[in-house]
Amino acid sequence: MSETHPTPLSATQLRILVAHRKNASYSVTWSPDSRMIATGSSDNNIRLWDIASGELVRTLEGHQDWVESVAWSGDGRWLASGAADQAVRVWEASSGQLERFSLGCTVSTDRGQATAPRRAMQEGNAR
């Protein structure tokens, strides 16, 4: 039997996205159409990035503490964010408008996936 050797992987850096200003990014997620990335960080903001250009599309402000998780809805219309301020906020991704939020939520992660925003998205889609 011949031994199989692993093939070395290669990667190409496409973009460096800089805007959270010395603050740590705690969550990064691709939009369902893979055209945008949303980042959440310790500056209490969410930023939406255009992948093709690397440009900052918009900044979503409203959390009072670190944004620990962000998640897109399946159709890409909504973005949910959960923060250390115990708030889950749901934003319309195309306009950046805050659609709804709830206080008193405990944000938790499960293997890096945001469970609180996903739960909020499920509730939001049930309207």
C-alpha atoms as a PDB file:
ATOM      1  CA  MET A   1       0.000   0.000   0.000  1.00  0.00           C
ATOM      2  CA  SER A   2       1.383   3.413  -0.909  1.00  0.00           C
ATOM      3  CA  GLU A   3       1.374   6.215   1.594  1.00  0.00           C
ATOM      4  CA  THR A   4      -0.611   9.326   0.686  1.00  0.00           C
ATOM      5  CA  HIS A   5       1.039  12.641   1.503  1.00  0.00           C
ATOM      6  CA  PRO A   6      -1.059  15.715   2.189  1.00  0.00           C
ATOM      7  CA  THR A   7      -1.061  18.317  -0.548  1.00  0.00           C
ATOM      8  CA  PRO A   8       0.161  21.718   0.622  1.00  0.00           C
ATOM      9  CA  LEU A   9      -2.624  24.271   0.605  1.00  0.00           C
ATOM     10  CA  SER A  10      -2.128  27.731  -0.797  1.00  0.00           C
ATOM     11  CA  ALA A  11      -4.091  30.873  -0.132  1.00  0.00           C
ATOM     12  CA  THR A  12      -4.174  34.310  -1.616  1.00  0.00           C
ATOM     13  CA  GLN A  13      -4.887  37.331   0.509  1.00  0.00           C
ATOM     14  CA  LEU A  14      -7.616  39.274  -1.246  1.00  0.00           C
ATOM     15  CA  ARG A  15      -8.302  42.219   1.027  1.00  0.00           C
ATOM     16  CA  ILE A  16      -7.382  43.744   4.339  1.00  0.00           C
ATOM     17  CA  LEU A  17     -10.403  45.539   5.779  1.00  0.00           C
ATOM     18  CA  VAL A  18      -9.410  48.272   8.214  1.00  0.00           C
ATOM     19  CA  ALA A  19     -11.929  50.445   9.985  1.00  0.00           C
ATOM     20  CA  HIS A  20     -12.481  49.220  13.521  1.00  0.00           C
ATOM     21  CA  ARG A  21      -9.489  51.287  14.692  1.00  0.00           C
ATOM     22  CA  LYS A  22      -7.370  49.191  17.046  1.00  0.00           C
ATOM     23  CA  ASN A  23     -10.474  47.396  18.285  1.00  0.00           C
ATOM     24  CA  ALA A  24     -10.817  43.672  18.024  1.00  0.00           C
ATOM     25  CA  SER A  25     -13.275  42.212  15.539  1.00  0.00           C
ATOM     26  CA  TYR A  26     -15.258  39.528  17.343  1.00  0.00           C
ATOM     27  CA  SER A  27     -17.478  38.332  14.545  1.00  0.00           C
ATOM     28  CA  VAL A  28     -17.182  38.080  10.780  1.00  0.00           C
ATOM     29  CA  THR A  29     -19.823  36.622   8.491  1.00  0.00           C
ATOM     30  CA  TRP A  30     -20.374  36.350   4.729  1.00  0.00           C
ATOM     31  CA  SER A  31     -23.637  37.473   3.175  1.00  0.00           C
ATOM     32  CA  PRO A  32     -25.608  34.632   1.566  1.00  0.00           C
ATOM     33  CA  ASP A  33     -24.711  35.898  -1.939  1.00  0.00           C
ATOM     34  CA  SER A  34     -21.008  36.199  -0.934  1.00  0.00           C
ATOM     35  CA  ARG A  35     -20.878  39.840  -2.040  1.00  0.00           C
ATOM     36  CA  MET A  36     -20.516  41.371   1.415  1.00  0.00           C
ATOM     37  CA  ILE A  37     -18.938  40.718   4.781  1.00  0.00           C
ATOM     38  CA  ALA A  38     -20.321  41.988   8.085  1.00  0.00           C
ATOM     39  CA  THR A  39     -17.940  42.525  11.003  1.00  0.00           C
ATOM     40  CA  GLY A  40     -18.760  43.227  14.638  1.00  0.00           C
ATOM     41  CA  SER A  41     -16.229  44.551  17.111  1.00  0.00           C
ATOM     42  CA  SER A  42     -15.365  46.071  20.455  1.00  0.00           C
ATOM     43  CA  ASP A  43     -16.098  49.580  19.118  1.00  0.00           C
ATOM     44  CA  ASN A  44     -19.815  48.668  19.500  1.00  0.00           C
ATOM     45  CA  ASN A  45     -20.439  48.853  15.739  1.00  0.00           C
ATOM     46  CA  ILE A  46     -21.174  46.560  12.816  1.00  0.00           C
ATOM     47  CA  ARG A  47     -19.545  47.303   9.488  1.00  0.00           C
ATOM     48  CA  LEU A  48     -20.678  46.055   6.088  1.00  0.00           C
ATOM     49  CA  TRP A  49     -17.987  45.613   3.433  1.00  0.00           C
ATOM     50  CA  ASP A  50     -18.181  45.160  -0.321  1.00  0.00           C
ATOM     51  CA  ILE A  51     -15.961  42.198  -1.179  1.00  0.00           C
ATOM     52  CA  ALA A  52     -15.229  43.161  -4.801  1.00  0.00           C
ATOM     53  CA  SER A  53     -13.952  46.647  -3.976  1.00  0.00           C
ATOM     54  CA  GLY A  54     -12.945  46.220  -0.328  1.00  0.00           C
ATOM     55  CA  GLU A  55     -14.861  49.416   0.427  1.00  0.00           C
ATOM     56  CA  LEU A  56     -16.805  50.067   3.591  1.00  0.00           C
ATOM     57  CA  VAL A  57     -20.485  50.196   2.582  1.00  0.00           C
ATOM     58  CA  ARG A  58     -21.967  51.349   5.890  1.00  0.00           C
ATOM     59  CA  THR A  59     -21.558  51.333   9.643  1.00  0.00           C
ATOM     60  CA  LEU A  60     -24.449  50.197  11.836  1.00  0.00           C
ATOM     61  CA  GLU A  61     -24.486  51.961  15.197  1.00  0.00           C
ATOM     62  CA  GLY A  62     -26.688  51.392  18.208  1.00  0.00           C
ATOM     63  CA  HIS A  63     -25.159  48.817  20.542  1.00  0.00           C
ATOM     64  CA  GLN A  64     -23.885  50.081  23.883  1.00  0.00           C
ATOM     65  CA  ASP A  65     -21.178  47.433  24.267  1.00  0.00           C
ATOM     66  CA  TRP A  66     -19.026  45.045  22.225  1.00  0.00           C
ATOM     67  CA  VAL A  67     -20.703  43.393  19.244  1.00  0.00           C
ATOM     68  CA  GLU A  68     -19.977  39.720  19.789  1.00  0.00           C
ATOM     69  CA  SER A  69     -21.948  38.117  16.975  1.00  0.00           C
ATOM     70  CA  VAL A  70     -23.517  38.906  13.623  1.00  0.00           C
ATOM     71  CA  ALA A  71     -25.621  36.671  11.363  1.00  0.00           C
ATOM     72  CA  TRP A  72     -27.380  37.153   8.002  1.00  0.00           C
ATOM     73  CA  SER A  73     -30.874  35.920   7.268  1.00  0.00           C
ATOM     74  CA  GLY A  74     -31.025  33.224   4.589  1.00  0.00           C
ATOM     75  CA  ASP A  75     -32.233  35.680   1.951  1.00  0.00           C
ATOM     76  CA  GLY A  76     -29.644  38.335   2.876  1.00  0.00           C
ATOM     77  CA  ARG A  77     -32.283  40.962   3.605  1.00  0.00           C
ATOM     78  CA  TRP A  78     -31.688  41.109   7.365  1.00  0.00           C
ATOM     79  CA  LEU A  79     -28.650  41.182   9.601  1.00  0.00           C
ATOM     80  CA  ALA A  80     -28.912  40.331  13.300  1.00  0.00           C
ATOM     81  CA  SER A  81     -26.345  41.383  15.863  1.00  0.00           C
ATOM     82  CA  GLY A  82     -25.842  40.406  19.477  1.00  0.00           C
ATOM     83  CA  ALA A  83     -23.687  42.357  21.890  1.00  0.00           C
ATOM     84  CA  ALA A  84     -22.402  42.409  25.436  1.00  0.00           C
ATOM     85  CA  ASP A  85     -25.089  45.032  26.182  1.00  0.00           C
ATOM     86  CA  GLN A  86     -27.470  42.015  26.162  1.00  0.00           C
ATOM     87  CA  ALA A  87     -29.333  43.377  23.149  1.00  0.00           C
ATOM     88  CA  VAL A  88     -30.146  41.599  19.925  1.00  0.00           C
ATOM     89  CA  ARG A  89     -30.794  44.004  17.062  1.00  0.00           C
ATOM     90  CA  VAL A  90     -32.169  43.221  13.618  1.00  0.00           C
ATOM     91  CA  TRP A  91     -31.148  45.525  10.775  1.00  0.00           C
ATOM     92  CA  GLU A  92     -32.328  45.834   7.195  1.00  0.00           C
ATOM     93  CA  ALA A  93     -29.057  45.137   5.382  1.00  0.00           C
ATOM     94  CA  SER A  94     -29.699  47.255   2.267  1.00  0.00           C
ATOM     95  CA  SER A  95     -30.516  50.451   4.184  1.00  0.00           C
ATOM     96  CA  GLY A  96     -28.821  49.852   7.531  1.00  0.00           C
ATOM     97  CA  GLN A  97     -32.054  50.785   9.282  1.00  0.00           C
ATOM     98  CA  LEU A  98     -32.677  49.261  12.695  1.00  0.00           C
ATOM     99  CA  GLU A  99     -35.862  47.205  12.415  1.00  0.00           C
ATOM    100  CA  ARG A 100     -36.218  45.714  15.889  1.00  0.00           C
ATOM    101  CA  PHE A 101     -34.303  44.945  19.027  1.00  0.00           C
ATOM    102  CA  SER A 102     -34.772  43.200  22.314  1.00  0.00           C
ATOM    103  CA  LEU A 103     -33.011  43.732  25.618  1.00  0.00           C
ATOM    104  CA  GLY A 104     -32.093  41.225  28.277  1.00  0.00           C
ATOM    105  CA  CYS A 105     -30.794  38.587  25.850  1.00  0.00           C
ATOM    106  CA  THR A 106     -27.692  36.640  26.712  1.00  0.00           C
ATOM    107  CA  VAL A 107     -25.450  36.321  23.683  1.00  0.00           C
ATOM    108  CA  SER A 108     -23.823  32.938  23.387  1.00  0.00           C
ATOM    109  CA  THR A 109     -21.712  31.274  20.772  1.00  0.00           C
ATOM    110  CA  ASP A 110     -21.622  27.672  19.672  1.00  0.00           C
ATOM    111  CA  ARG A 111     -18.427  26.787  17.817  1.00  0.00           C
ATOM    112  CA  GLY A 112     -18.123  30.357  16.608  1.00  0.00           C
ATOM    113  CA  GLN A 113     -21.716  30.587  15.355  1.00  0.00           C
ATOM    114  CA  ALA A 114     -24.008  33.214  16.814  1.00  0.00           C
ATOM    115  CA  THR A 115     -26.903  31.404  18.406  1.00  0.00           C
ATOM    116  CA  ALA A 116     -28.716  34.457  19.809  1.00  0.00           C
ATOM    117  CA  PRO A 117     -28.941  36.320  16.472  1.00  0.00           C
ATOM    118  CA  ARG A 118     -29.969  33.168  14.638  1.00  0.00           C
ATOM    119  CA  ARG A 119     -32.751  32.685  17.177  1.00  0.00           C
ATOM    120  CA  ALA A 120     -33.804  36.319  16.662  1.00  0.00           C
ATOM    121  CA  MET A 121     -33.851  35.800  12.904  1.00  0.00           C
ATOM    122  CA  GLN A 122     -36.109  32.755  13.283  1.00  0.00           C
ATOM    123  CA  GLU A 123     -38.493  34.781  15.441  1.00  0.00           C
ATOM    124  CA  GLY A 124     -38.278  37.737  13.030  1.00  0.00           C
ATOM    125  CA  ASN A 125     -39.165  35.579  10.033  1.00  0.00           C
ATOM    126  CA  ALA A 126     -42.248  34.305  11.814  1.00  0.00           C
ATOM    127  CA  ARG A 127     -43.996  37.694  11.722  1.00  0.00           C
END
